[in-house]
Amino acid sequence: NISAQMLNSVEDLRHELHGQLTRPVQWTNSVHTMVEHGVETFVELGPKQVLTGLIRRINSQVQTLSLSDVEIVKLLYPSENDASASLTA
């Protein structure tokens, strides 16, 4: 996001999403903030491993997992709401 801070409200999220259209995203600082708040594992969903590589360069101590296989991603959504459909569209 553009502030590299935790977002706590819908209004904060709207402001950040709007700002991301016109300002640089603070990716490095965002990763540092997440780690400072206890995030130890990052999961990337998609066909490439771009964010996984960036995270590893920012902090080599965290765990990273990149999932590109739709069948594996389906395991994250075992309910009737099959969120993986959007990955194949």
PDB file of N, CA and C in Angstrom:
ATOM      1  N   ASN A   1       0.820  -1.190   0.000  1.00  0.00           N
ATOM      2  CA  ASN A   1       0.000   0.000   0.000  1.00  0.00           C
ATOM      3  C   ASN A   1       0.860   1.248   0.000  1.00  0.00           C
ATOM      4  N   ILE A   2       0.242   2.397  -0.040  1.00  0.00           N
ATOM      5  CA  ILE A   2       1.013   3.637  -0.177  1.00  0.00           C
ATOM      6  C   ILE A   2       1.543   4.174   1.141  1.00  0.00           C
ATOM      7  N   SER A   3       0.966   3.736   2.265  1.00  0.00           N
ATOM      8  CA  SER A   3       1.421   4.238   3.560  1.00  0.00           C
ATOM      9  C   SER A   3       2.300   3.239   4.309  1.00  0.00           C
ATOM     10  N   ALA A   4       2.294   1.995   3.892  1.00  0.00           N
ATOM     11  CA  ALA A   4       3.036   0.916   4.556  1.00  0.00           C
ATOM     12  C   ALA A   4       2.559   0.712   5.990  1.00  0.00           C
ATOM     13  N   GLN A   5       1.320   1.075   6.270  1.00  0.00           N
ATOM     14  CA  GLN A   5       0.738   0.915   7.597  1.00  0.00           C
ATOM     15  C   GLN A   5      -0.398  -0.097   7.556  1.00  0.00           C
ATOM     16  N   MET A   6      -0.729  -0.645   8.720  1.00  0.00           N
ATOM     17  CA  MET A   6      -1.872  -1.541   8.824  1.00  0.00           C
ATOM     18  C   MET A   6      -3.139  -0.720   8.615  1.00  0.00           C
ATOM     19  N   LEU A   7      -4.093  -1.279   7.900  1.00  0.00           N
ATOM     20  CA  LEU A   7      -5.358  -0.591   7.641  1.00  0.00           C
ATOM     21  C   LEU A   7      -6.430  -1.177   8.548  1.00  0.00           C
ATOM     22  N   ASN A   8      -7.201  -0.287   9.201  1.00  0.00           N
ATOM     23  CA  ASN A   8      -8.159  -0.749  10.198  1.00  0.00           C
ATOM     24  C   ASN A   8      -9.603  -0.439   9.872  1.00  0.00           C
ATOM     25  N   SER A   9      -9.858   0.221   8.769  1.00  0.00           N
ATOM     26  CA  SER A   9     -11.244   0.553   8.450  1.00  0.00           C
ATOM     27  C   SER A   9     -11.463   0.492   6.942  1.00  0.00           C
ATOM     28  N   VAL A  10     -12.722   0.412   6.578  1.00  0.00           N
ATOM     29  CA  VAL A  10     -13.082   0.414   5.164  1.00  0.00           C
ATOM     30  C   VAL A  10     -12.648   1.729   4.529  1.00  0.00           C
ATOM     31  N   GLU A  11     -12.816   2.818   5.247  1.00  0.00           N
ATOM     32  CA  GLU A  11     -12.422   4.126   4.714  1.00  0.00           C
ATOM     33  C   GLU A  11     -10.914   4.185   4.465  1.00  0.00           C
ATOM     34  N   ASP A  12     -10.123   3.642   5.385  1.00  0.00           N
ATOM     35  CA  ASP A  12      -8.668   3.589   5.184  1.00  0.00           C
ATOM     36  C   ASP A  12      -8.329   2.782   3.932  1.00  0.00           C
ATOM     37  N   LEU A  13      -9.008   1.662   3.762  1.00  0.00           N
ATOM     38  CA  LEU A  13      -8.767   0.810   2.600  1.00  0.00           C
ATOM     39  C   LEU A  13      -9.132   1.534   1.312  1.00  0.00           C
ATOM     40  N   ARG A  14     -10.263   2.220   1.293  1.00  0.00           N
ATOM     41  CA  ARG A  14     -10.659   2.985   0.102  1.00  0.00           C
ATOM     42  C   ARG A  14      -9.610   4.038  -0.243  1.00  0.00           C
ATOM     43  N   HIS A  15      -9.144   4.750   0.773  1.00  0.00           N
ATOM     44  CA  HIS A  15      -8.139   5.793   0.557  1.00  0.00           C
ATOM     45  C   HIS A  15      -6.858   5.196  -0.030  1.00  0.00           C
ATOM     46  N   GLU A  16      -6.412   4.085   0.534  1.00  0.00           N
ATOM     47  CA  GLU A  16      -5.192   3.433   0.042  1.00  0.00           C
ATOM     48  C   GLU A  16      -5.352   2.947  -1.396  1.00  0.00           C
ATOM     49  N   LEU A  17      -6.471   2.298  -1.691  1.00  0.00           N
ATOM     50  CA  LEU A  17      -6.690   1.787  -3.049  1.00  0.00           C
ATOM     51  C   LEU A  17      -6.733   2.927  -4.059  1.00  0.00           C
ATOM     52  N   HIS A  18      -7.377   4.013  -3.701  1.00  0.00           N
ATOM     53  CA  HIS A  18      -7.424   5.179  -4.591  1.00  0.00           C
ATOM     54  C   HIS A  18      -6.018   5.736  -4.806  1.00  0.00           C
ATOM     55  N   GLY A  19      -5.255   5.855  -3.742  1.00  0.00           N
ATOM     56  CA  GLY A  19      -3.905   6.395  -3.837  1.00  0.00           C
ATOM     57  C   GLY A  19      -2.962   5.530  -4.645  1.00  0.00           C
ATOM     58  N   GLN A  20      -3.191   4.224  -4.650  1.00  0.00           N
ATOM     59  CA  GLN A  20      -2.315   3.317  -5.393  1.00  0.00           C
ATOM     60  C   GLN A  20      -2.402   3.527  -6.900  1.00  0.00           C
ATOM     61  N   LEU A  21      -3.444   4.181  -7.340  1.00  0.00           N
ATOM     62  CA  LEU A  21      -3.574   4.464  -8.773  1.00  0.00           C
ATOM     63  C   LEU A  21      -2.639   5.575  -9.225  1.00  0.00           C
ATOM     64  N   THR A  22      -2.236   6.433  -8.300  1.00  0.00           N
ATOM     65  CA  THR A  22      -1.455   7.608  -8.689  1.00  0.00           C
ATOM     66  C   THR A  22      -0.123   7.745  -7.967  1.00  0.00           C
ATOM     67  N   ARG A  23       0.137   6.911  -6.971  1.00  0.00           N
ATOM     68  CA  ARG A  23       1.375   7.035  -6.206  1.00  0.00           C
ATOM     69  C   ARG A  23       2.072   5.690  -6.096  1.00  0.00           C
ATOM     70  N   PRO A  24       3.366   5.707  -5.855  1.00  0.00           N
ATOM     71  CA  PRO A  24       4.104   4.447  -5.710  1.00  0.00           C
ATOM     72  C   PRO A  24       3.647   3.667  -4.476  1.00  0.00           C
ATOM     73  N   VAL A  25       3.644   2.364  -4.608  1.00  0.00           N
ATOM     74  CA  VAL A  25       3.329   1.484  -3.484  1.00  0.00           C
ATOM     75  C   VAL A  25       4.598   1.318  -2.650  1.00  0.00           C
ATOM     76  N   GLN A  26       4.470   1.346  -1.350  1.00  0.00           N
ATOM     77  CA  GLN A  26       5.596   1.206  -0.430  1.00  0.00           C
ATOM     78  C   GLN A  26       5.776  -0.273  -0.067  1.00  0.00           C
ATOM     79  N   TRP A  27       6.153  -1.086  -1.060  1.00  0.00           N
ATOM     80  CA  TRP A  27       6.201  -2.529  -0.872  1.00  0.00           C
ATOM     81  C   TRP A  27       7.202  -2.948   0.198  1.00  0.00           C
ATOM     82  N   THR A  28       8.421  -2.443   0.134  1.00  0.00           N
ATOM     83  CA  THR A  28       9.441  -2.822   1.114  1.00  0.00           C
ATOM     84  C   THR A  28       8.992  -2.468   2.518  1.00  0.00           C
ATOM     85  N   ASN A  29       8.524  -1.243   2.705  1.00  0.00           N
ATOM     86  CA  ASN A  29       8.062  -0.824   4.025  1.00  0.00           C
ATOM     87  C   ASN A  29       6.826  -1.603   4.458  1.00  0.00           C
ATOM     88  N   SER A  30       5.968  -1.969   3.511  1.00  0.00           N
ATOM     89  CA  SER A  30       4.779  -2.765   3.841  1.00  0.00           C
ATOM     90  C   SER A  30       5.180  -4.141   4.366  1.00  0.00           C
ATOM     91  N   VAL A  31       6.167  -4.763   3.736  1.00  0.00           N
ATOM     92  CA  VAL A  31       6.643  -6.069   4.206  1.00  0.00           C
ATOM     93  C   VAL A  31       7.250  -5.931   5.599  1.00  0.00           C
ATOM     94  N   HIS A  32       8.060  -4.898   5.818  1.00  0.00           N
ATOM     95  CA  HIS A  32       8.639  -4.677   7.149  1.00  0.00           C
ATOM     96  C   HIS A  32       7.539  -4.507   8.196  1.00  0.00           C
ATOM     97  N   THR A  33       6.500  -3.746   7.868  1.00  0.00           N
ATOM     98  CA  THR A  33       5.392  -3.530   8.799  1.00  0.00           C
ATOM     99  C   THR A  33       4.690  -4.841   9.125  1.00  0.00           C
ATOM    100  N   MET A  34       4.444  -5.661   8.104  1.00  0.00           N
ATOM    101  CA  MET A  34       3.778  -6.945   8.355  1.00  0.00           C
ATOM    102  C   MET A  34       4.623  -7.831   9.264  1.00  0.00           C
ATOM    103  N   VAL A  35       5.924  -7.869   9.040  1.00  0.00           N
ATOM    104  CA  VAL A  35       6.813  -8.673   9.881  1.00  0.00           C
ATOM    105  C   VAL A  35       6.807  -8.133  11.309  1.00  0.00           C
ATOM    106  N   GLU A  36       6.842  -6.813  11.459  1.00  0.00           N
ATOM    107  CA  GLU A  36       6.803  -6.207  12.792  1.00  0.00           C
ATOM    108  C   GLU A  36       5.515  -6.550  13.534  1.00  0.00           C
ATOM    109  N   HIS A  37       4.437  -6.802  12.796  1.00  0.00           N
ATOM    110  CA  HIS A  37       3.154  -7.167  13.400  1.00  0.00           C
ATOM    111  C   HIS A  37       2.976  -8.684  13.507  1.00  0.00           C
ATOM    112  N   GLY A  38       4.044  -9.433  13.306  1.00  0.00           N
ATOM    113  CA  GLY A  38       4.009 -10.862  13.564  1.00  0.00           C
ATOM    114  C   GLY A  38       3.814 -11.780  12.375  1.00  0.00           C
ATOM    115  N   VAL A  39       3.739 -11.244  11.164  1.00  0.00           N
ATOM    116  CA  VAL A  39       3.591 -12.112   9.994  1.00  0.00           C
ATOM    117  C   VAL A  39       4.900 -12.875   9.783  1.00  0.00           C
ATOM    118  N   GLU A  40       4.793 -14.188   9.717  1.00  0.00           N
ATOM    119  CA  GLU A  40       5.971 -15.034   9.535  1.00  0.00           C
ATOM    120  C   GLU A  40       5.956 -15.783   8.212  1.00  0.00           C
ATOM    121  N   THR A  41       4.771 -15.904   7.596  1.00  0.00           N
ATOM    122  CA  THR A  41       4.626 -16.650   6.353  1.00  0.00           C
ATOM    123  C   THR A  41       3.843 -15.824   5.348  1.00  0.00           C
ATOM    124  N   PHE A  42       4.360 -15.726   4.138  1.00  0.00           N
ATOM    125  CA  PHE A  42       3.710 -15.009   3.048  1.00  0.00           C
ATOM    126  C   PHE A  42       3.326 -16.017   1.976  1.00  0.00           C
ATOM    127  N   VAL A  43       2.081 -15.945   1.497  1.00  0.00           N
ATOM    128  CA  VAL A  43       1.586 -16.849   0.461  1.00  0.00           C
ATOM    129  C   VAL A  43       1.231 -16.022  -0.761  1.00  0.00           C
ATOM    130  N   GLU A  44       1.815 -16.377  -1.897  1.00  0.00           N
ATOM    131  CA  GLU A  44       1.521 -15.704  -3.167  1.00  0.00           C
ATOM    132  C   GLU A  44       0.681 -16.638  -4.026  1.00  0.00           C
ATOM    133  N   LEU A  45      -0.436 -16.134  -4.518  1.00  0.00           N
ATOM    134  CA  LEU A  45      -1.311 -16.904  -5.398  1.00  0.00           C
ATOM    135  C   LEU A  45      -1.194 -16.354  -6.801  1.00  0.00           C
ATOM    136  N   GLY A  46      -0.814 -17.188  -7.739  1.00  0.00           N
ATOM    137  CA  GLY A  46      -0.697 -16.735  -9.121  1.00  0.00           C
ATOM    138  C   GLY A  46       0.338 -17.531  -9.883  1.00  0.00           C
ATOM    139  N   PRO A  47       0.430 -17.276 -11.180  1.00  0.00           N
ATOM    140  CA  PRO A  47       1.293 -18.089 -12.039  1.00  0.00           C
ATOM    141  C   PRO A  47       2.785 -17.797 -11.914  1.00  0.00           C
ATOM    142  N   LYS A  48       3.150 -16.698 -11.336  1.00  0.00           N
ATOM    143  CA  LYS A  48       4.570 -16.330 -11.219  1.00  0.00           C
ATOM    144  C   LYS A  48       4.968 -16.246  -9.753  1.00  0.00           C
ATOM    145  N   GLN A  49       6.249 -15.974  -9.497  1.00  0.00           N
ATOM    146  CA  GLN A  49       6.760 -15.861  -8.131  1.00  0.00           C
ATOM    147  C   GLN A  49       7.427 -14.513  -7.902  1.00  0.00           C
ATOM    148  N   VAL A  50       6.899 -13.484  -8.525  1.00  0.00           N
ATOM    149  CA  VAL A  50       7.517 -12.162  -8.441  1.00  0.00           C
ATOM    150  C   VAL A  50       7.524 -11.643  -7.010  1.00  0.00           C
ATOM    151  N   LEU A  51       6.362 -11.645  -6.355  1.00  0.00           N
ATOM    152  CA  LEU A  51       6.288 -11.118  -4.993  1.00  0.00           C
ATOM    153  C   LEU A  51       7.063 -11.989  -4.015  1.00  0.00           C
ATOM    154  N   THR A  52       7.047 -13.285  -4.226  1.00  0.00           N
ATOM    155  CA  THR A  52       7.813 -14.196  -3.379  1.00  0.00           C
ATOM    156  C   THR A  52       9.294 -13.833  -3.420  1.00  0.00           C
ATOM    157  N   GLY A  53       9.812 -13.584  -4.608  1.00  0.00           N
ATOM    158  CA  GLY A  53      11.217 -13.194  -4.742  1.00  0.00           C
ATOM    159  C   GLY A  53      11.519 -11.871  -4.070  1.00  0.00           C
ATOM    160  N   LEU A  54      10.621 -10.902  -4.227  1.00  0.00           N
ATOM    161  CA  LEU A  54      10.815  -9.603  -3.585  1.00  0.00           C
ATOM    162  C   LEU A  54      10.820  -9.737  -2.068  1.00  0.00           C
ATOM    163  N   ILE A  55       9.884 -10.512  -1.542  1.00  0.00           N
ATOM    164  CA  ILE A  55       9.808 -10.697  -0.090  1.00  0.00           C
ATOM    165  C   ILE A  55      11.073 -11.360   0.428  1.00  0.00           C
ATOM    166  N   ARG A  56      11.570 -12.351  -0.272  1.00  0.00           N
ATOM    167  CA  ARG A  56      12.802 -13.034   0.160  1.00  0.00           C
ATOM    168  C   ARG A  56      13.989 -12.075   0.189  1.00  0.00           C
ATOM    169  N   ARG A  57      14.033 -11.142  -0.762  1.00  0.00           N
ATOM    170  CA  ARG A  57      15.123 -10.156  -0.766  1.00  0.00           C
ATOM    171  C   ARG A  57      14.976  -9.149   0.368  1.00  0.00           C
ATOM    172  N   ILE A  58      13.746  -8.836   0.726  1.00  0.00           N
ATOM    173  CA  ILE A  58      13.499  -7.868   1.795  1.00  0.00           C
ATOM    174  C   ILE A  58      13.796  -8.481   3.156  1.00  0.00           C
ATOM    175  N   ASN A  59      13.359  -9.738   3.355  1.00  0.00           N
ATOM    176  CA  ASN A  59      13.567 -10.401   4.643  1.00  0.00           C
ATOM    177  C   ASN A  59      13.735 -11.902   4.401  1.00  0.00           C
ATOM    178  N   SER A  60      14.936 -12.365   4.510  1.00  0.00           N
ATOM    179  CA  SER A  60      15.217 -13.778   4.224  1.00  0.00           C
ATOM    180  C   SER A  60      14.809 -14.700   5.370  1.00  0.00           C
ATOM    181  N   GLN A  61      14.360 -14.144   6.488  1.00  0.00           N
ATOM    182  CA  GLN A  61      13.991 -14.958   7.645  1.00  0.00           C
ATOM    183  C   GLN A  61      12.546 -15.454   7.606  1.00  0.00           C
ATOM    184  N   VAL A  62      11.704 -14.843   6.767  1.00  0.00           N
ATOM    185  CA  VAL A  62      10.295 -15.246   6.716  1.00  0.00           C
ATOM    186  C   VAL A  62      10.112 -16.428   5.775  1.00  0.00           C
ATOM    187  N   GLN A  63       9.029 -17.150   5.971  1.00  0.00           N
ATOM    188  CA  GLN A  63       8.664 -18.254   5.089  1.00  0.00           C
ATOM    189  C   GLN A  63       7.865 -17.692   3.916  1.00  0.00           C
ATOM    190  N   THR A  64       8.093 -18.216   2.732  1.00  0.00           N
ATOM    191  CA  THR A  64       7.310 -17.813   1.565  1.00  0.00           C
ATOM    192  C   THR A  64       6.789 -19.062   0.868  1.00  0.00           C
ATOM    193  N   LEU A  65       5.608 -18.929   0.302  1.00  0.00           N
ATOM    194  CA  LEU A  65       4.987 -20.030  -0.417  1.00  0.00           C
ATOM    195  C   LEU A  65       4.293 -19.444  -1.628  1.00  0.00           C
ATOM    196  N   SER A  66       4.588 -19.981  -2.790  1.00  0.00           N
ATOM    197  CA  SER A  66       3.966 -19.524  -4.024  1.00  0.00           C
ATOM    198  C   SER A  66       3.114 -20.651  -4.585  1.00  0.00           C
ATOM    199  N   LEU A  67       1.826 -20.383  -4.767  1.00  0.00           N
ATOM    200  CA  LEU A  67       0.895 -21.380  -5.290  1.00  0.00           C
ATOM    201  C   LEU A  67       0.406 -20.943  -6.656  1.00  0.00           C
ATOM    202  N   SER A  68       0.624 -21.788  -7.657  1.00  0.00           N
ATOM    203  CA  SER A  68       0.145 -21.460  -8.996  1.00  0.00           C
ATOM    204  C   SER A  68      -0.827 -22.498  -9.535  1.00  0.00           C
ATOM    205  N   ASP A  69      -0.870 -23.650  -8.929  1.00  0.00           N
ATOM    206  CA  ASP A  69      -1.756 -24.722  -9.363  1.00  0.00           C
ATOM    207  C   ASP A  69      -3.156 -24.476  -8.808  1.00  0.00           C
ATOM    208  N   VAL A  70      -4.132 -24.334  -9.683  1.00  0.00           N
ATOM    209  CA  VAL A  70      -5.502 -24.041  -9.265  1.00  0.00           C
ATOM    210  C   VAL A  70      -6.029 -25.122  -8.327  1.00  0.00           C
ATOM    211  N   GLU A  71      -5.656 -26.368  -8.541  1.00  0.00           N
ATOM    212  CA  GLU A  71      -6.129 -27.451  -7.672  1.00  0.00           C
ATOM    213  C   GLU A  71      -5.620 -27.268  -6.240  1.00  0.00           C
ATOM    214  N   ILE A  72      -4.395 -26.806  -6.089  1.00  0.00           N
ATOM    215  CA  ILE A  72      -3.855 -26.546  -4.753  1.00  0.00           C
ATOM    216  C   ILE A  72      -4.574 -25.358  -4.133  1.00  0.00           C
ATOM    217  N   VAL A  73      -4.782 -24.307  -4.917  1.00  0.00           N
ATOM    218  CA  VAL A  73      -5.469 -23.121  -4.411  1.00  0.00           C
ATOM    219  C   VAL A  73      -6.874 -23.484  -3.941  1.00  0.00           C
ATOM    220  N   LYS A  74      -7.538 -24.411  -4.615  1.00  0.00           N
ATOM    221  CA  LYS A  74      -8.881 -24.837  -4.207  1.00  0.00           C
ATOM    222  C   LYS A  74      -8.892 -25.375  -2.781  1.00  0.00           C
ATOM    223  N   LEU A  75      -7.780 -25.941  -2.334  1.00  0.00           N
ATOM    224  CA  LEU A  75      -7.707 -26.459  -0.972  1.00  0.00           C
ATOM    225  C   LEU A  75      -7.863 -25.354   0.065  1.00  0.00           C
ATOM    226  N   LEU A  76      -7.551 -24.125  -0.313  1.00  0.00           N
ATOM    227  CA  LEU A  76      -7.707 -22.997   0.600  1.00  0.00           C
ATOM    228  C   LEU A  76      -9.166 -22.597   0.761  1.00  0.00           C
ATOM    229  N   TYR A  77     -10.014 -23.022  -0.172  1.00  0.00           N
ATOM    230  CA  TYR A  77     -11.427 -22.654  -0.181  1.00  0.00           C
ATOM    231  C   TYR A  77     -12.289 -23.912  -0.264  1.00  0.00           C
ATOM    232  N   PRO A  78     -12.353 -24.689   0.799  1.00  0.00           N
ATOM    233  CA  PRO A  78     -13.079 -25.954   0.729  1.00  0.00           C
ATOM    234  C   PRO A  78     -14.605 -25.803   0.719  1.00  0.00           C
ATOM    235  N   SER A  79     -15.116 -24.610   0.977  1.00  0.00           N
ATOM    236  CA  SER A  79     -16.564 -24.423   1.027  1.00  0.00           C
ATOM    237  C   SER A  79     -17.158 -24.389  -0.371  1.00  0.00           C
ATOM    238  N   GLU A  80     -18.466 -24.218  -0.421  1.00  0.00           N
ATOM    239  CA  GLU A  80     -19.158 -24.151  -1.713  1.00  0.00           C
ATOM    240  C   GLU A  80     -18.773 -22.908  -2.510  1.00  0.00           C
ATOM    241  N   ASN A  81     -18.177 -21.916  -1.876  1.00  0.00           N
ATOM    242  CA  ASN A  81     -17.717 -20.709  -2.568  1.00  0.00           C
ATOM    243  C   ASN A  81     -16.350 -20.977  -3.168  1.00  0.00           C
ATOM    244  N   ASP A  82     -16.301 -21.417  -4.396  1.00  0.00           N
ATOM    245  CA  ASP A  82     -15.052 -21.787  -5.046  1.00  0.00           C
ATOM    246  C   ASP A  82     -14.368 -20.542  -5.591  1.00  0.00           C
ATOM    247  N   ALA A  83     -13.510 -19.941  -4.766  1.00  0.00           N
ATOM    248  CA  ALA A  83     -12.826 -18.708  -5.151  1.00  0.00           C
ATOM    249  C   ALA A  83     -11.808 -18.931  -6.255  1.00  0.00           C
ATOM    250  N   SER A  84     -11.410 -20.157  -6.517  1.00  0.00           N
ATOM    251  CA  SER A  84     -10.391 -20.401  -7.538  1.00  0.00           C
ATOM    252  C   SER A  84     -10.920 -20.184  -8.948  1.00  0.00           C
ATOM    253  N   ALA A  85     -12.225 -20.086  -9.125  1.00  0.00           N
ATOM    254  CA  ALA A  85     -12.785 -19.875 -10.462  1.00  0.00           C
ATOM    255  C   ALA A  85     -12.249 -18.602 -11.086  1.00  0.00           C
ATOM    256  N   SER A  86     -11.998 -17.593 -10.266  1.00  0.00           N
ATOM    257  CA  SER A  86     -11.480 -16.336 -10.807  1.00  0.00           C
ATOM    258  C   SER A  86     -10.045 -16.475 -11.291  1.00  0.00           C
ATOM    259  N   LEU A  87      -9.313 -17.477 -10.811  1.00  0.00           N
ATOM    260  CA  LEU A  87      -7.931 -17.671 -11.242  1.00  0.00           C
ATOM    261  C   LEU A  87      -7.840 -18.272 -12.631  1.00  0.00           C
ATOM    262  N   THR A  88      -8.894 -18.927 -13.068  1.00  0.00           N
ATOM    263  CA  THR A  88      -8.859 -19.565 -14.376  1.00  0.00           C
ATOM    264  C   THR A  88      -9.590 -18.762 -15.431  1.00  0.00           C
ATOM    265  N   ALA A  89     -10.249 -17.699 -15.037  1.00  0.00           N
ATOM    266  CA  ALA A  89     -11.028 -16.884 -15.986  1.00  0.00           C
ATOM    267  C   ALA A  89     -10.123 -16.018 -16.831  1.00  0.00           C
TER     268      ALA A  89
END
